[in-house]
Amino acid sequence: MVNVDVERVRAAMADLCEPLHDAFAWAEQKRRRRLRELTDPSYRWLGTHLIRGFAHHRLSKADLGVWSLTGKHSRNGELWLGDGDYRVRVLHSADEDAVPAPGNNLQRRAFYLNPPLAEYSEEPLFGPVNDQLLTLWRIDPGSGAPFFRVVRPVGLWKFGATAKTDLDFLLPETASELHELYFQPHDDELELELPKEEPGHGHGARGFSG
């Protein structure tokens, strides 16, 4: 992995850091006000739909830089983003360590079939290869803060099986923090990690819940 590839990742995702965190934090505040009485876990699905709907509304009015909302939100609240070179599907994650399996839907299965980065030699990491990325969101139940995990799927797997991905990182709150990320090889994946910080000032990497 060379510096130019890292710069491509940073450049591709930088415009989404602030808008995604702002939109989902705002959406969670809206959800809490409207569902104050529906605290039973059986209503959790409704909260997820509300957050996704409010977030889509917020993003539709935000400055997303080179990105724009795509897809058909009226189709079960799907949330897609694109910039011409990348496609990002924003999905709710029920497990901080799991990546949702593609299932049997042919369109979704096709989205998961990125060519592995290891197959590229002199080709850029991102850009011309039109990468398709999953952005998995979760809300901290205490603070209401959103967290986003970005993964690049490179194959198909069944529910409960190990996900086939070759890039996995937490999206920071700001573009400046994203510029501090570096690649850390981990088994067959590449993870983006933030530089070590003093105790008490970390971002709680993979600290998703709710």
C-alpha atoms as a PDB file:
ATOM      1  CA  MET A   1       0.000   0.000   0.000  1.00  0.00           C
ATOM      2  CA  VAL A   2       1.599   3.282  -1.085  1.00  0.00           C
ATOM      3  CA  ASN A   3       0.916   6.843  -0.019  1.00  0.00           C
ATOM      4  CA  VAL A   4      -0.949   7.728  -3.203  1.00  0.00           C
ATOM      5  CA  ASP A   5      -3.520   5.017  -2.461  1.00  0.00           C
ATOM      6  CA  VAL A   6      -4.049   6.327   1.061  1.00  0.00           C
ATOM      7  CA  GLU A   7      -4.565   9.805  -0.330  1.00  0.00           C
ATOM      8  CA  ARG A   8      -7.215   8.474  -2.710  1.00  0.00           C
ATOM      9  CA  VAL A   9      -9.184   6.962   0.176  1.00  0.00           C
ATOM     10  CA  ARG A  10      -8.970  10.158   2.159  1.00  0.00           C
ATOM     11  CA  ALA A  11      -9.918  12.337  -0.773  1.00  0.00           C
ATOM     12  CA  ALA A  12     -12.864  10.121  -1.680  1.00  0.00           C
ATOM     13  CA  MET A  13     -14.442  10.069   1.766  1.00  0.00           C
ATOM     14  CA  ALA A  14     -13.434  13.445   3.212  1.00  0.00           C
ATOM     15  CA  ASP A  15     -16.549  15.306   2.069  1.00  0.00           C
ATOM     16  CA  LEU A  16     -18.798  12.802   3.866  1.00  0.00           C
ATOM     17  CA  CYS A  17     -17.296  12.975   7.375  1.00  0.00           C
ATOM     18  CA  GLU A  18     -19.090  16.041   8.730  1.00  0.00           C
ATOM     19  CA  PRO A  19     -22.374  15.660   6.789  1.00  0.00           C
ATOM     20  CA  LEU A  20     -22.959  12.048   7.851  1.00  0.00           C
ATOM     21  CA  HIS A  21     -22.186  12.687  11.518  1.00  0.00           C
ATOM     22  CA  ASP A  22     -24.286  15.846  11.560  1.00  0.00           C
ATOM     23  CA  ALA A  23     -27.249  14.265   9.758  1.00  0.00           C
ATOM     24  CA  PHE A  24     -27.436  11.149  11.916  1.00  0.00           C
ATOM     25  CA  ALA A  25     -26.865  12.998  15.209  1.00  0.00           C
ATOM     26  CA  TRP A  26     -29.697  15.377  14.267  1.00  0.00           C
ATOM     27  CA  ALA A  27     -31.891  12.462  13.165  1.00  0.00           C
ATOM     28  CA  GLU A  28     -31.320  10.673  16.485  1.00  0.00           C
ATOM     29  CA  GLN A  29     -32.447  13.783  18.381  1.00  0.00           C
ATOM     30  CA  LYS A  30     -35.618  13.845  16.285  1.00  0.00           C
ATOM     31  CA  ARG A  31     -36.213  10.149  16.939  1.00  0.00           C
ATOM     32  CA  ARG A  32     -35.867  10.547  20.700  1.00  0.00           C
ATOM     33  CA  ARG A  33     -38.390  13.360  20.828  1.00  0.00           C
ATOM     34  CA  ARG A  34     -40.958  11.499  18.762  1.00  0.00           C
ATOM     35  CA  LEU A  35     -40.619   8.073  20.347  1.00  0.00           C
ATOM     36  CA  ARG A  36     -40.323   9.010  24.004  1.00  0.00           C
ATOM     37  CA  GLU A  37     -43.127   6.608  24.950  1.00  0.00           C
ATOM     38  CA  LEU A  38     -42.082   3.729  22.698  1.00  0.00           C
ATOM     39  CA  THR A  39     -39.147   2.433  24.702  1.00  0.00           C
ATOM     40  CA  ASP A  40     -39.854  -1.281  24.316  1.00  0.00           C
ATOM     41  CA  PRO A  41     -37.281  -3.083  22.091  1.00  0.00           C
ATOM     42  CA  SER A  42     -40.122  -4.299  19.875  1.00  0.00           C
ATOM     43  CA  TYR A  43     -40.351  -0.744  18.481  1.00  0.00           C
ATOM     44  CA  ARG A  44     -36.658  -0.492  17.651  1.00  0.00           C
ATOM     45  CA  TRP A  45     -37.331  -1.055  13.952  1.00  0.00           C
ATOM     46  CA  LEU A  46     -39.460   2.096  13.896  1.00  0.00           C
ATOM     47  CA  GLY A  47     -36.644   4.141  15.392  1.00  0.00           C
ATOM     48  CA  THR A  48     -34.253   2.839  12.742  1.00  0.00           C
ATOM     49  CA  HIS A  49     -36.610   3.894   9.955  1.00  0.00           C
ATOM     50  CA  LEU A  50     -37.140   7.326  11.506  1.00  0.00           C
ATOM     51  CA  ILE A  51     -33.427   7.965  11.841  1.00  0.00           C
ATOM     52  CA  ARG A  52     -32.800   6.934   8.252  1.00  0.00           C
ATOM     53  CA  GLY A  53     -35.639   9.136   6.975  1.00  0.00           C
ATOM     54  CA  PHE A  54     -34.584  12.210   8.938  1.00  0.00           C
ATOM     55  CA  ALA A  55     -30.942  11.661   7.972  1.00  0.00           C
ATOM     56  CA  HIS A  56     -31.894  11.477   4.289  1.00  0.00           C
ATOM     57  CA  HIS A  57     -33.823  14.739   4.644  1.00  0.00           C
ATOM     58  CA  ARG A  58     -30.879  16.443   6.362  1.00  0.00           C
ATOM     59  CA  LEU A  59     -28.405  15.197   3.763  1.00  0.00           C
ATOM     60  CA  SER A  60     -30.645  16.382   0.929  1.00  0.00           C
ATOM     61  CA  LYS A  61     -30.102  19.956   2.166  1.00  0.00           C
ATOM     62  CA  ALA A  62     -26.426  19.620   3.113  1.00  0.00           C
ATOM     63  CA  ASP A  63     -23.294  20.499   1.187  1.00  0.00           C
ATOM     64  CA  LEU A  64     -21.885  17.101   0.258  1.00  0.00           C
ATOM     65  CA  GLY A  65     -19.062  18.359  -1.914  1.00  0.00           C
ATOM     66  CA  VAL A  66     -18.653  16.036  -4.884  1.00  0.00           C
ATOM     67  CA  TRP A  67     -21.185  13.591  -3.437  1.00  0.00           C
ATOM     68  CA  SER A  68     -24.949  13.470  -3.934  1.00  0.00           C
ATOM     69  CA  LEU A  69     -27.833  11.328  -2.760  1.00  0.00           C
ATOM     70  CA  THR A  70     -28.749   8.601  -5.235  1.00  0.00           C
ATOM     71  CA  GLY A  71     -31.079   5.625  -5.286  1.00  0.00           C
ATOM     72  CA  LYS A  72     -34.769   5.598  -4.462  1.00  0.00           C
ATOM     73  CA  HIS A  73     -35.342   6.536  -0.822  1.00  0.00           C
ATOM     74  CA  SER A  74     -39.048   5.696  -1.046  1.00  0.00           C
ATOM     75  CA  ARG A  75     -38.022   2.050  -1.525  1.00  0.00           C
ATOM     76  CA  ASN A  76     -37.975   1.034   2.147  1.00  0.00           C
ATOM     77  CA  GLY A  77     -35.896   4.077   3.073  1.00  0.00           C
ATOM     78  CA  GLU A  78     -32.740   3.073   1.220  1.00  0.00           C
ATOM     79  CA  LEU A  79     -29.895   5.569   1.479  1.00  0.00           C
ATOM     80  CA  TRP A  80     -27.275   5.688  -1.272  1.00  0.00           C
ATOM     81  CA  LEU A  81     -24.537   8.190  -2.083  1.00  0.00           C
ATOM     82  CA  GLY A  82     -22.412   8.572  -5.189  1.00  0.00           C
ATOM     83  CA  ASP A  83     -19.746  10.858  -6.618  1.00  0.00           C
ATOM     84  CA  GLY A  84     -19.329   9.404 -10.105  1.00  0.00           C
ATOM     85  CA  ASP A  85     -16.451   7.118  -9.126  1.00  0.00           C
ATOM     86  CA  TYR A  86     -17.768   5.531  -5.933  1.00  0.00           C
ATOM     87  CA  ARG A  87     -21.091   4.168  -4.752  1.00  0.00           C
ATOM     88  CA  VAL A  88     -21.815   4.083  -1.032  1.00  0.00           C
ATOM     89  CA  ARG A  89     -24.723   2.186   0.475  1.00  0.00           C
ATOM     90  CA  VAL A  90     -25.531   3.331   4.024  1.00  0.00           C
ATOM     91  CA  LEU A  91     -26.916   0.462   6.112  1.00  0.00           C
ATOM     92  CA  HIS A  92     -27.886   0.098   9.759  1.00  0.00           C
ATOM     93  CA  SER A  93     -25.738  -2.447  11.579  1.00  0.00           C
ATOM     94  CA  ALA A  94     -27.201  -4.580  14.353  1.00  0.00           C
ATOM     95  CA  ASP A  95     -23.752  -5.815  15.398  1.00  0.00           C
ATOM     96  CA  GLU A  96     -20.636  -3.684  15.772  1.00  0.00           C
ATOM     97  CA  ASP A  97     -18.380  -6.480  14.502  1.00  0.00           C
ATOM     98  CA  ALA A  98     -20.566  -7.904  11.727  1.00  0.00           C
ATOM     99  CA  VAL A  99     -21.069  -6.866   8.124  1.00  0.00           C
ATOM    100  CA  PRO A 100     -24.576  -7.632   6.784  1.00  0.00           C
ATOM    101  CA  ALA A 101     -24.541 -10.569   4.375  1.00  0.00           C
ATOM    102  CA  PRO A 102     -25.682  -9.841   0.807  1.00  0.00           C
ATOM    103  CA  GLY A 103     -28.627 -12.230   0.938  1.00  0.00           C
ATOM    104  CA  ASN A 104     -30.363 -13.479  -2.204  1.00  0.00           C
ATOM    105  CA  ASN A 105     -31.190 -10.169  -3.914  1.00  0.00           C
ATOM    106  CA  LEU A 106     -29.274 -10.157  -7.201  1.00  0.00           C
ATOM    107  CA  GLN A 107     -28.701  -6.397  -7.246  1.00  0.00           C
ATOM    108  CA  ARG A 108     -27.342  -6.432  -3.700  1.00  0.00           C
ATOM    109  CA  ARG A 109     -25.142  -9.444  -4.428  1.00  0.00           C
ATOM    110  CA  ALA A 110     -23.653  -7.647  -7.438  1.00  0.00           C
ATOM    111  CA  PHE A 111     -22.853  -4.649  -5.220  1.00  0.00           C
ATOM    112  CA  TYR A 112     -20.720  -6.877  -2.976  1.00  0.00           C
ATOM    113  CA  LEU A 113     -18.530  -8.150  -5.805  1.00  0.00           C
ATOM    114  CA  ASN A 114     -15.689  -5.622  -5.898  1.00  0.00           C
ATOM    115  CA  PRO A 115     -12.500  -7.021  -7.432  1.00  0.00           C
ATOM    116  CA  PRO A 116      -9.985  -7.567  -4.592  1.00  0.00           C
ATOM    117  CA  LEU A 117      -7.477  -4.760  -4.253  1.00  0.00           C
ATOM    118  CA  ALA A 118      -4.709  -7.340  -4.360  1.00  0.00           C
ATOM    119  CA  GLU A 119      -5.532  -7.907  -8.047  1.00  0.00           C
ATOM    120  CA  TYR A 120      -4.501  -4.363  -8.913  1.00  0.00           C
ATOM    121  CA  SER A 121      -0.886  -3.624  -9.703  1.00  0.00           C
ATOM    122  CA  GLU A 122      -0.468  -0.160 -11.137  1.00  0.00           C
ATOM    123  CA  GLU A 123      -4.155   0.667 -11.051  1.00  0.00           C
ATOM    124  CA  PRO A 124      -5.203   3.249  -8.435  1.00  0.00           C
ATOM    125  CA  LEU A 125      -6.799   1.930  -5.257  1.00  0.00           C
ATOM    126  CA  PHE A 126      -9.963   3.890  -5.943  1.00  0.00           C
ATOM    127  CA  GLY A 127     -11.282   5.960  -8.832  1.00  0.00           C
ATOM    128  CA  PRO A 128     -11.439   4.245 -12.221  1.00  0.00           C
ATOM    129  CA  VAL A 129     -12.354   0.896 -10.668  1.00  0.00           C
ATOM    130  CA  ASN A 130     -15.671   2.365  -9.430  1.00  0.00           C
ATOM    131  CA  ASP A 131     -15.546   0.910  -5.947  1.00  0.00           C
ATOM    132  CA  GLN A 132     -18.741   0.079  -4.111  1.00  0.00           C
ATOM    133  CA  LEU A 133     -18.558   0.673  -0.376  1.00  0.00           C
ATOM    134  CA  LEU A 134     -20.819  -0.146   2.558  1.00  0.00           C
ATOM    135  CA  THR A 135     -21.129   2.429   5.333  1.00  0.00           C
ATOM    136  CA  LEU A 136     -22.587   0.778   8.434  1.00  0.00           C
ATOM    137  CA  TRP A 137     -24.127   3.154  10.968  1.00  0.00           C
ATOM    138  CA  ARG A 138     -24.977   2.708  14.614  1.00  0.00           C
ATOM    139  CA  ILE A 139     -26.098   5.082  17.377  1.00  0.00           C
ATOM    140  CA  ASP A 140     -24.643   5.087  20.882  1.00  0.00           C
ATOM    141  CA  PRO A 141     -27.703   4.604  23.130  1.00  0.00           C
ATOM    142  CA  GLY A 142     -26.291   6.830  25.869  1.00  0.00           C
ATOM    143  CA  SER A 143     -24.836   9.833  24.076  1.00  0.00           C
ATOM    144  CA  GLY A 144     -26.850   9.564  20.871  1.00  0.00           C
ATOM    145  CA  ALA A 145     -23.617   9.909  18.875  1.00  0.00           C
ATOM    146  CA  PRO A 146     -23.489   8.133  15.510  1.00  0.00           C
ATOM    147  CA  PHE A 147     -20.631   5.899  14.411  1.00  0.00           C
ATOM    148  CA  PHE A 148     -19.843   4.811  10.864  1.00  0.00           C
ATOM    149  CA  ARG A 149     -17.830   1.807   9.734  1.00  0.00           C
ATOM    150  CA  VAL A 150     -16.782   1.764   6.068  1.00  0.00           C
ATOM    151  CA  VAL A 151     -16.056  -1.594   4.456  1.00  0.00           C
ATOM    152  CA  ARG A 152     -15.291  -2.712   0.929  1.00  0.00           C
ATOM    153  CA  PRO A 153     -16.888  -6.133   0.209  1.00  0.00           C
ATOM    154  CA  VAL A 154     -15.118  -8.466  -2.202  1.00  0.00           C
ATOM    155  CA  GLY A 155     -17.375 -11.506  -2.280  1.00  0.00           C
ATOM    156  CA  LEU A 156     -20.491 -13.276  -1.077  1.00  0.00           C
ATOM    157  CA  TRP A 157     -21.108 -14.980   2.258  1.00  0.00           C
ATOM    158  CA  LYS A 158     -24.018 -16.402   4.192  1.00  0.00           C
ATOM    159  CA  PHE A 159     -25.548 -14.926   7.329  1.00  0.00           C
ATOM    160  CA  GLY A 160     -23.315 -15.630  10.322  1.00  0.00           C
ATOM    161  CA  ALA A 161     -20.259 -16.419   8.195  1.00  0.00           C
ATOM    162  CA  THR A 162     -17.080 -14.353   8.063  1.00  0.00           C
ATOM    163  CA  ALA A 163     -17.489 -11.290   5.862  1.00  0.00           C
ATOM    164  CA  LYS A 164     -15.356 -11.051   2.740  1.00  0.00           C
ATOM    165  CA  THR A 165     -13.894  -7.538   2.767  1.00  0.00           C
ATOM    166  CA  ASP A 166     -10.484  -6.067   2.042  1.00  0.00           C
ATOM    167  CA  LEU A 167     -10.834  -2.590   3.539  1.00  0.00           C
ATOM    168  CA  ASP A 168     -12.358  -1.714   6.904  1.00  0.00           C
ATOM    169  CA  PHE A 169     -12.208   1.561   8.856  1.00  0.00           C
ATOM    170  CA  LEU A 170     -14.195   3.866  11.108  1.00  0.00           C
ATOM    171  CA  LEU A 171     -15.136   7.167   9.511  1.00  0.00           C
ATOM    172  CA  PRO A 172     -13.980  10.052  11.748  1.00  0.00           C
ATOM    173  CA  GLU A 173     -16.166  13.049  12.550  1.00  0.00           C
ATOM    174  CA  THR A 174     -14.082  15.503  10.528  1.00  0.00           C
ATOM    175  CA  ALA A 175     -12.097  15.545   7.308  1.00  0.00           C
ATOM    176  CA  SER A 176      -9.016  16.698   9.204  1.00  0.00           C
ATOM    177  CA  GLU A 177      -9.163  13.557  11.374  1.00  0.00           C
ATOM    178  CA  LEU A 178      -9.545  11.455   8.248  1.00  0.00           C
ATOM    179  CA  HIS A 179      -6.275  12.893   6.949  1.00  0.00           C
ATOM    180  CA  GLU A 180      -4.554  11.413  10.020  1.00  0.00           C
ATOM    181  CA  LEU A 181      -5.646   7.863   9.231  1.00  0.00           C
ATOM    182  CA  TYR A 182      -3.061   5.318   8.186  1.00  0.00           C
ATOM    183  CA  PHE A 183      -3.289   1.786   6.842  1.00  0.00           C
ATOM    184  CA  GLN A 184      -2.627  -1.086   9.216  1.00  0.00           C
ATOM    185  CA  PRO A 185      -2.513  -4.551   7.573  1.00  0.00           C
ATOM    186  CA  HIS A 186      -4.628  -7.088   9.485  1.00  0.00           C
ATOM    187  CA  ASP A 187      -4.825 -10.653   8.186  1.00  0.00           C
ATOM    188  CA  ASP A 188      -6.362 -10.347   4.703  1.00  0.00           C
ATOM    189  CA  GLU A 189      -7.895  -6.933   5.316  1.00  0.00           C
ATOM    190  CA  LEU A 190      -6.594  -3.387   5.379  1.00  0.00           C
ATOM    191  CA  GLU A 191      -7.766  -1.334   8.311  1.00  0.00           C
ATOM    192  CA  LEU A 192      -7.528   2.419   8.625  1.00  0.00           C
ATOM    193  CA  GLU A 193      -6.579   3.451  12.130  1.00  0.00           C
ATOM    194  CA  LEU A 194      -6.194   6.776  13.895  1.00  0.00           C
ATOM    195  CA  PRO A 195      -2.851   7.621  15.515  1.00  0.00           C
ATOM    196  CA  LYS A 196      -2.646   6.723  19.179  1.00  0.00           C
ATOM    197  CA  GLU A 197      -4.170   9.341  21.460  1.00  0.00           C
ATOM    198  CA  GLU A 198      -3.850  10.149  25.138  1.00  0.00           C
ATOM    199  CA  PRO A 199      -6.205   8.181  27.441  1.00  0.00           C
ATOM    200  CA  GLY A 200      -9.618   9.759  27.638  1.00  0.00           C
ATOM    201  CA  HIS A 201      -9.411  11.369  24.216  1.00  0.00           C
ATOM    202  CA  GLY A 202     -10.057   8.406  21.932  1.00  0.00           C
ATOM    203  CA  HIS A 203     -13.000   7.997  19.606  1.00  0.00           C
ATOM    204  CA  GLY A 204     -13.952   4.543  20.838  1.00  0.00           C
ATOM    205  CA  ALA A 205     -13.074   2.711  17.638  1.00  0.00           C
ATOM    206  CA  ARG A 206     -15.606  -0.015  16.971  1.00  0.00           C
ATOM    207  CA  GLY A 207     -17.521   1.219  19.960  1.00  0.00           C
ATOM    208  CA  PHE A 208     -20.857   0.917  18.245  1.00  0.00           C
ATOM    209  CA  SER A 209     -24.066   0.228  20.105  1.00  0.00           C
ATOM    210  CA  GLY A 210     -27.768   0.891  19.777  1.00  0.00           C
END
